[in-house]
Full PDB file with SEQRES, HELIX, SHEET, SSBOND, CRYST1, ORIGX, SCALE, CONECT and MASTER records, all heavy atoms in Angstrom:
SEQRES   1 A   31  THR GLY THR ALA LEU THR VAL GLY MET LEU ASP THR VAL          
SEQRES   2 A   31  ASN LEU ALA TRP LYS LEU GLY ALA ASP ILE ASN GLY TRP          
SEQRES   3 A   31  ALA PRO ALA GLY LEU                                          
HELIX    1 AA1 ALA A    4  ILE A   23  1                                  20    
CRYST1    1.000    1.000    1.000  90.00  90.00  90.00 P 1           1          
ORIGX1      1.000000  0.000000  0.000000        0.00000                         
ORIGX2      0.000000  1.000000  0.000000        0.00000                         
ORIGX3      0.000000  0.000000  1.000000        0.00000                         
SCALE1      1.000000  0.000000  0.000000        0.00000                         
SCALE2      0.000000  1.000000  0.000000        0.00000                         
SCALE3      0.000000  0.000000  1.000000        0.00000                         
ATOM      1  N   THR A   1     107.772  93.856 127.806  1.00  0.00           N  
ATOM      2  CA  THR A   1     109.186  93.968 127.525  1.00  0.00           C  
ATOM      3  C   THR A   1     109.559  93.096 126.334  1.00  0.00           C  
ATOM      4  O   THR A   1     108.758  92.268 125.864  1.00  0.00           O  
ATOM      5  CB  THR A   1     109.974  93.498 128.769  1.00  0.00           C  
ATOM      6  OG1 THR A   1     109.585  92.135 129.097  1.00  0.00           O  
ATOM      7  CG2 THR A   1     109.723  94.395 129.968  1.00  0.00           C  
ATOM      8  N   GLY A   2     110.802  93.250 125.876  1.00  0.00           N  
ATOM      9  CA  GLY A   2     111.337  92.406 124.821  1.00  0.00           C  
ATOM     10  C   GLY A   2     110.875  92.779 123.436  1.00  0.00           C  
ATOM     11  O   GLY A   2     111.075  91.971 122.511  1.00  0.00           O  
ATOM     12  N   THR A   3     110.272  93.921 123.238  1.00  0.00           N  
ATOM     13  CA  THR A   3     109.708  94.304 121.920  1.00  0.00           C  
ATOM     14  C   THR A   3     110.251  95.612 121.413  1.00  0.00           C  
ATOM     15  O   THR A   3     110.595  95.716 120.195  1.00  0.00           O  
ATOM     16  CB  THR A   3     108.175  94.373 122.042  1.00  0.00           C  
ATOM     17  OG1 THR A   3     107.662  93.054 122.335  1.00  0.00           O  
ATOM     18  CG2 THR A   3     107.547  94.868 120.756  1.00  0.00           C  
ATOM     19  N   ALA A   4     110.343  96.656 122.233  1.00  0.00           N  
ATOM     20  CA  ALA A   4     110.596  98.011 121.753  1.00  0.00           C  
ATOM     21  C   ALA A   4     111.907  98.105 120.976  1.00  0.00           C  
ATOM     22  O   ALA A   4     111.981  98.761 119.929  1.00  0.00           O  
ATOM     23  CB  ALA A   4     110.581  98.977 122.903  1.00  0.00           C  
ATOM     24  N   LEU A   5     112.988  97.515 121.523  1.00  0.00           N  
ATOM     25  CA  LEU A   5     114.292  97.680 120.888  1.00  0.00           C  
ATOM     26  C   LEU A   5     114.294  97.105 119.475  1.00  0.00           C  
ATOM     27  O   LEU A   5     114.757  97.753 118.519  1.00  0.00           O  
ATOM     28  CB  LEU A   5     115.344  96.959 121.737  1.00  0.00           C  
ATOM     29  CG  LEU A   5     116.759  97.565 121.761  1.00  0.00           C  
ATOM     30  CD1 LEU A   5     116.739  98.965 122.243  1.00  0.00           C  
ATOM     31  CD2 LEU A   5     117.653  96.708 122.667  1.00  0.00           C  
ATOM     32  N   THR A   6     113.733  95.889 119.326  1.00  0.00           N  
ATOM     33  CA  THR A   6     113.732  95.244 118.035  1.00  0.00           C  
ATOM     34  C   THR A   6     112.912  96.059 117.015  1.00  0.00           C  
ATOM     35  O   THR A   6     113.317  96.307 115.897  1.00  0.00           O  
ATOM     36  CB  THR A   6     113.192  93.830 118.157  1.00  0.00           C  
ATOM     37  OG1 THR A   6     114.144  93.039 118.863  1.00  0.00           O  
ATOM     38  CG2 THR A   6     112.951  93.194 116.806  1.00  0.00           C  
ATOM     39  N   VAL A   7     111.671  96.426 117.405  1.00  0.00           N  
ATOM     40  CA  VAL A   7     110.789  97.119 116.482  1.00  0.00           C  
ATOM     41  C   VAL A   7     111.362  98.465 116.097  1.00  0.00           C  
ATOM     42  O   VAL A   7     111.296  98.864 114.927  1.00  0.00           O  
ATOM     43  CB  VAL A   7     109.381  97.251 117.084  1.00  0.00           C  
ATOM     44  CG1 VAL A   7     108.461  98.057 116.157  1.00  0.00           C  
ATOM     45  CG2 VAL A   7     108.771  95.893 117.373  1.00  0.00           C  
ATOM     46  N   GLY A   8     111.944  99.170 117.044  1.00  0.00           N  
ATOM     47  CA  GLY A   8     112.529 100.492 116.733  1.00  0.00           C  
ATOM     48  C   GLY A   8     113.691 100.394 115.764  1.00  0.00           C  
ATOM     49  O   GLY A   8     113.782 101.199 114.840  1.00  0.00           O  
ATOM     50  N   MET A   9     114.578  99.440 115.960  1.00  0.00           N  
ATOM     51  CA  MET A   9     115.725  99.303 115.060  1.00  0.00           C  
ATOM     52  C   MET A   9     115.246  98.874 113.686  1.00  0.00           C  
ATOM     53  O   MET A   9     115.803  99.332 112.658  1.00  0.00           O  
ATOM     54  CB  MET A   9     116.731  98.341 115.663  1.00  0.00           C  
ATOM     55  CG  MET A   9     117.425  98.862 116.911  1.00  0.00           C  
ATOM     56  SD  MET A   9     118.410  97.641 117.795  1.00  0.00           S  
ATOM     57  CE  MET A   9     119.741  97.336 116.627  1.00  0.00           C  
ATOM     58  N   LEU A  10     114.233  98.014 113.613  1.00  0.00           N  
ATOM     59  CA  LEU A  10     113.741  97.599 112.315  1.00  0.00           C  
ATOM     60  C   LEU A  10     113.010  98.744 111.601  1.00  0.00           C  
ATOM     61  O   LEU A  10     113.052  98.807 110.340  1.00  0.00           O  
ATOM     62  CB  LEU A  10     112.759  96.414 112.473  1.00  0.00           C  
ATOM     63  CG  LEU A  10     113.400  95.089 112.920  1.00  0.00           C  
ATOM     64  CD1 LEU A  10     112.346  94.037 113.202  1.00  0.00           C  
ATOM     65  CD2 LEU A  10     114.420  94.599 111.888  1.00  0.00           C  
ATOM     66  N   ASP A  11     112.405  99.657 112.336  1.00  0.00           N  
ATOM     67  CA  ASP A  11     111.846 100.877 111.712  1.00  0.00           C  
ATOM     68  C   ASP A  11     112.924 101.557 110.867  1.00  0.00           C  
ATOM     69  O   ASP A  11     112.677 101.962 109.733  1.00  0.00           O  
ATOM     70  CB  ASP A  11     111.372 101.855 112.794  1.00  0.00           C  
ATOM     71  CG  ASP A  11     110.104 101.476 113.504  1.00  0.00           C  
ATOM     72  OD1 ASP A  11     109.368 100.617 112.996  1.00  0.00           O  
ATOM     73  OD2 ASP A  11     109.867 102.046 114.569  1.00  0.00           O  
ATOM     74  N   THR A  12     114.083 101.743 111.469  1.00  0.00           N  
ATOM     75  CA  THR A  12     115.108 102.567 110.838  1.00  0.00           C  
ATOM     76  C   THR A  12     115.683 101.911 109.591  1.00  0.00           C  
ATOM     77  O   THR A  12     116.062 102.570 108.640  1.00  0.00           O  
ATOM     78  CB  THR A  12     116.238 102.870 111.814  1.00  0.00           C  
ATOM     79  OG1 THR A  12     116.943 101.709 112.138  1.00  0.00           O  
ATOM     80  CG2 THR A  12     115.664 103.496 113.105  1.00  0.00           C  
ATOM     81  N   VAL A  13     115.740 100.572 109.581  1.00  0.00           N  
ATOM     82  CA  VAL A  13     116.235  99.851 108.409  1.00  0.00           C  
ATOM     83  C   VAL A  13     115.275 100.007 107.239  1.00  0.00           C  
ATOM     84  O   VAL A  13     115.683 100.154 106.075  1.00  0.00           O  
ATOM     85  CB  VAL A  13     116.469  98.379 108.721  1.00  0.00           C  
ATOM     86  CG1 VAL A  13     116.949  97.615 107.517  1.00  0.00           C  
ATOM     87  CG2 VAL A  13     117.493  98.234 109.844  1.00  0.00           C  
ATOM     88  N   ASN A  14     113.989 100.043 107.528  1.00  0.00           N  
ATOM     89  CA  ASN A  14     112.983 100.266 106.491  1.00  0.00           C  
ATOM     90  C   ASN A  14     113.068 101.714 105.990  1.00  0.00           C  
ATOM     91  O   ASN A  14     112.893 101.955 104.769  1.00  0.00           O  
ATOM     92  CB  ASN A  14     111.565 100.024 107.094  1.00  0.00           C  
ATOM     93  CG  ASN A  14     110.461 100.148 106.122  1.00  0.00           C  
ATOM     94  OD1 ASN A  14     110.116 101.250 105.683  1.00  0.00           O  
ATOM     95  ND2 ASN A  14     109.864  99.044 105.728  1.00  0.00           N  
ATOM     96  N   LEU A  15     113.290 102.662 106.863  1.00  0.00           N  
ATOM     97  CA  LEU A  15     113.309 104.075 106.506  1.00  0.00           C  
ATOM     98  C   LEU A  15     114.556 104.518 105.773  1.00  0.00           C  
ATOM     99  O   LEU A  15     114.456 105.300 104.803  1.00  0.00           O  
ATOM    100  CB  LEU A  15     113.128 104.915 107.772  1.00  0.00           C  
ATOM    101  CG  LEU A  15     113.225 106.421 107.646  1.00  0.00           C  
ATOM    102  CD1 LEU A  15     112.176 106.952 106.677  1.00  0.00           C  
ATOM    103  CD2 LEU A  15     113.120 107.092 109.005  1.00  0.00           C  
ATOM    104  N   ALA A  16     115.712 104.039 106.158  1.00  0.00           N  
ATOM    105  CA  ALA A  16     116.969 104.606 105.695  1.00  0.00           C  
ATOM    106  C   ALA A  16     117.110 104.548 104.165  1.00  0.00           C  
ATOM    107  O   ALA A  16     117.489 105.531 103.541  1.00  0.00           O  
ATOM    108  CB  ALA A  16     118.131 103.922 106.388  1.00  0.00           C  
ATOM    109  N   TRP A  17     116.854 103.389 103.567  1.00  0.00           N  
ATOM    110  CA  TRP A  17     117.089 103.278 102.133  1.00  0.00           C  
ATOM    111  C   TRP A  17     116.110 104.123 101.347  1.00  0.00           C  
ATOM    112  O   TRP A  17     116.415 104.618 100.245  1.00  0.00           O  
ATOM    113  CB  TRP A  17     117.057 101.804 101.684  1.00  0.00           C  
ATOM    114  CG  TRP A  17     115.722 101.129 101.627  1.00  0.00           C  
ATOM    115  CD1 TRP A  17     115.098 100.469 102.643  1.00  0.00           C  
ATOM    116  CD2 TRP A  17     114.876 101.031 100.484  1.00  0.00           C  
ATOM    117  NE1 TRP A  17     113.868  99.960 102.203  1.00  0.00           N  
ATOM    118  CE2 TRP A  17     113.714 100.272 100.886  1.00  0.00           C  
ATOM    119  CE3 TRP A  17     114.930 101.484  99.180  1.00  0.00           C  
ATOM    120  CZ2 TRP A  17     112.660  99.971 100.023  1.00  0.00           C  
ATOM    121  CZ3 TRP A  17     113.901 101.193  98.307  1.00  0.00           C  
ATOM    122  CH2 TRP A  17     112.782 100.445  98.727  1.00  0.00           C  
ATOM    123  N   LYS A  18     114.915 104.359 101.895  1.00  0.00           N  
ATOM    124  CA  LYS A  18     113.921 105.168 101.218  1.00  0.00           C  
ATOM    125  C   LYS A  18     114.328 106.641 101.266  1.00  0.00           C  
ATOM    126  O   LYS A  18     114.174 107.378 100.276  1.00  0.00           O  
ATOM    127  CB  LYS A  18     112.565 104.939 101.841  1.00  0.00           C  
ATOM    128  CG  LYS A  18     112.064 103.476 101.640  1.00  0.00           C  
ATOM    129  CD  LYS A  18     110.804 103.184 102.430  1.00  0.00           C  
ATOM    130  CE  LYS A  18     110.428 101.688 102.227  1.00  0.00           C  
ATOM    131  NZ  LYS A  18     109.247 101.287 102.996  1.00  0.00           N  
ATOM    132  N   LEU A  19     114.836 107.089 102.436  1.00  0.00           N  
ATOM    133  CA  LEU A  19     115.370 108.451 102.497  1.00  0.00           C  
ATOM    134  C   LEU A  19     116.566 108.591 101.559  1.00  0.00           C  
ATOM    135  O   LEU A  19     116.707 109.623 100.860  1.00  0.00           O  
ATOM    136  CB  LEU A  19     115.814 108.765 103.932  1.00  0.00           C  
ATOM    137  CG  LEU A  19     114.718 109.109 104.948  1.00  0.00           C  
ATOM    138  CD1 LEU A  19     115.309 109.259 106.324  1.00  0.00           C  
ATOM    139  CD2 LEU A  19     114.020 110.401 104.544  1.00  0.00           C  
ATOM    140  N   GLY A  20     117.420 107.574 101.541  1.00  0.00           N  
ATOM    141  CA  GLY A  20     118.606 107.635 100.655  1.00  0.00           C  
ATOM    142  C   GLY A  20     118.186 107.730  99.198  1.00  0.00           C  
ATOM    143  O   GLY A  20     118.808 108.486  98.405  1.00  0.00           O  
ATOM    144  N   ALA A  21     117.144 106.981  98.808  1.00  0.00           N  
ATOM    145  CA  ALA A  21     116.658 107.044  97.427  1.00  0.00           C  
ATOM    146  C   ALA A  21     116.186 108.441  97.068  1.00  0.00           C  
ATOM    147  O   ALA A  21     116.448 108.970  95.968  1.00  0.00           O  
ATOM    148  CB  ALA A  21     115.532 106.046  97.236  1.00  0.00           C  
ATOM    149  N   ASP A  22     115.464 109.089  98.013  1.00  0.00           N  
ATOM    150  CA  ASP A  22     114.975 110.439  97.736  1.00  0.00           C  
ATOM    151  C   ASP A  22     116.132 111.424  97.648  1.00  0.00           C  
ATOM    152  O   ASP A  22     116.184 112.262  96.747  1.00  0.00           O  
ATOM    153  CB  ASP A  22     114.023 110.851  98.852  1.00  0.00           C  
ATOM    154  CG  ASP A  22     113.374 112.208  98.596  1.00  0.00           C  
ATOM    155  OD1 ASP A  22     113.962 113.241  99.044  1.00  0.00           O  
ATOM    156  OD2 ASP A  22     112.323 112.266  97.969  1.00  0.00           O  
ATOM    157  N   ILE A  23     117.065 111.334  98.583  1.00  0.00           N  
ATOM    158  CA  ILE A  23     118.196 112.251  98.581  1.00  0.00           C  
ATOM    159  C   ILE A  23     119.083 112.096  97.372  1.00  0.00           C  
ATOM    160  O   ILE A  23     119.605 113.073  96.806  1.00  0.00           O  
ATOM    161  CB  ILE A  23     118.995 112.053  99.897  1.00  0.00           C  
ATOM    162  CG1 ILE A  23     118.153 112.586 101.081  1.00  0.00           C  
ATOM    163  CG2 ILE A  23     120.366 112.731  99.837  1.00  0.00           C  
ATOM    164  CD1 ILE A  23     118.659 112.087 102.427  1.00  0.00           C  
ATOM    165  N   ASN A  24     119.226 110.849  96.890  1.00  0.00           N  
ATOM    166  CA  ASN A  24     120.070 110.581  95.718  1.00  0.00           C  
ATOM    167  C   ASN A  24     119.298 110.766  94.397  1.00  0.00           C  
ATOM    168  O   ASN A  24     119.883 110.558  93.340  1.00  0.00           O  
ATOM    169  CB  ASN A  24     120.624 109.164  95.791  1.00  0.00           C  
ATOM    170  CG  ASN A  24     121.658 109.022  96.894  1.00  0.00           C  
ATOM    171  OD1 ASN A  24     122.522 109.872  97.053  1.00  0.00           O  
ATOM    172  ND2 ASN A  24     121.589 107.940  97.673  1.00  0.00           N  
ATOM    173  N   GLY A  25     118.033 111.134  94.490  1.00  0.00           N  
ATOM    174  CA  GLY A  25     117.307 111.570  93.273  1.00  0.00           C  
ATOM    175  C   GLY A  25     116.646 110.489  92.458  1.00  0.00           C  
ATOM    176  O   GLY A  25     116.148 110.823  91.371  1.00  0.00           O  
ATOM    177  N   TRP A  26     116.534 109.260  92.972  1.00  0.00           N  
ATOM    178  CA  TRP A  26     115.879 108.229  92.141  1.00  0.00           C  
ATOM    179  C   TRP A  26     114.659 107.625  92.770  1.00  0.00           C  
ATOM    180  O   TRP A  26     114.074 106.644  92.221  1.00  0.00           O  
ATOM    181  CB  TRP A  26     116.858 107.139  91.739  1.00  0.00           C  
ATOM    182  CG  TRP A  26     117.607 106.441  92.861  1.00  0.00           C  
ATOM    183  CD1 TRP A  26     118.867 106.696  93.287  1.00  0.00           C  
ATOM    184  CD2 TRP A  26     117.120 105.346  93.678  1.00  0.00           C  
ATOM    185  NE1 TRP A  26     119.201 105.839  94.306  1.00  0.00           N  
ATOM    186  CE2 TRP A  26     118.162 105.005  94.566  1.00  0.00           C  
ATOM    187  CE3 TRP A  26     115.923 104.612  93.729  1.00  0.00           C  
ATOM    188  CZ2 TRP A  26     118.054 103.979  95.493  1.00  0.00           C  
ATOM    189  CZ3 TRP A  26     115.798 103.612  94.658  1.00  0.00           C  
ATOM    190  CH2 TRP A  26     116.865 103.289  95.544  1.00  0.00           C  
ATOM    191  N   ALA A  27     114.169 108.153  93.876  1.00  0.00           N  
ATOM    192  CA  ALA A  27     112.992 107.579  94.528  1.00  0.00           C  
ATOM    193  C   ALA A  27     111.742 107.771  93.665  1.00  0.00           C  
ATOM    194  O   ALA A  27     111.473 108.883  93.207  1.00  0.00           O  
ATOM    195  CB  ALA A  27     112.773 108.239  95.894  1.00  0.00           C  
ATOM    196  N   PRO A  28     110.982 106.710  93.430  1.00  0.00           N  
ATOM    197  CA  PRO A  28     109.721 106.858  92.716  1.00  0.00           C  
ATOM    198  C   PRO A  28     108.700 107.595  93.587  1.00  0.00           C  
ATOM    199  O   PRO A  28     108.850 107.681  94.804  1.00  0.00           O  
ATOM    200  CB  PRO A  28     109.294 105.427  92.458  1.00  0.00           C  
ATOM    201  CG  PRO A  28     109.937 104.630  93.546  1.00  0.00           C  
ATOM    202  CD  PRO A  28     111.254 105.333  93.800  1.00  0.00           C  
ATOM    203  N   ALA A  29     107.666 108.139  92.983  1.00  0.00           N  
ATOM    204  CA  ALA A  29     106.644 108.872  93.719  1.00  0.00           C  
ATOM    205  C   ALA A  29     106.004 107.950  94.745  1.00  0.00           C  
ATOM    206  O   ALA A  29     105.675 106.808  94.493  1.00  0.00           O  
ATOM    207  CB  ALA A  29     105.581 109.392  92.755  1.00  0.00           C  
ATOM    208  N   GLY A  30     105.884 108.475  95.966  1.00  0.00           N  
ATOM    209  CA  GLY A  30     105.209 107.762  97.021  1.00  0.00           C  
ATOM    210  C   GLY A  30     106.094 106.786  97.797  1.00  0.00           C  
ATOM    211  O   GLY A  30     105.622 106.151  98.742  1.00  0.00           O  
ATOM    212  N   LEU A  31     107.360 106.614  97.418  1.00  0.00           N  
ATOM    213  CA  LEU A  31     108.190 105.643  98.109  1.00  0.00           C  
ATOM    214  C   LEU A  31     108.303 105.980  99.587  1.00  0.00           C  
ATOM    215  O   LEU A  31     108.169 105.078 100.435  1.00  0.00           O  
ATOM    216  CB  LEU A  31     109.602 105.597  97.492  1.00  0.00           C  
ATOM    217  CG  LEU A  31     110.576 104.638  98.186  1.00  0.00           C  
ATOM    218  CD1 LEU A  31     110.135 103.193  98.030  1.00  0.00           C  
ATOM    219  CD2 LEU A  31     112.011 104.805  97.643  1.00  0.00           C  
TER     220      LEU A  31                                                      
MASTER        0    0    0    1    0    0    0    6  219    1    0    3          
END                                                                             
């Protein structure tokens, strides 16, 4: 216990800006 919630929410913070970069057209290759 005490792990899943934190790790899952931190996953999304890492992912969101990278998806946003791709959608907004400035993501470098492989981001």
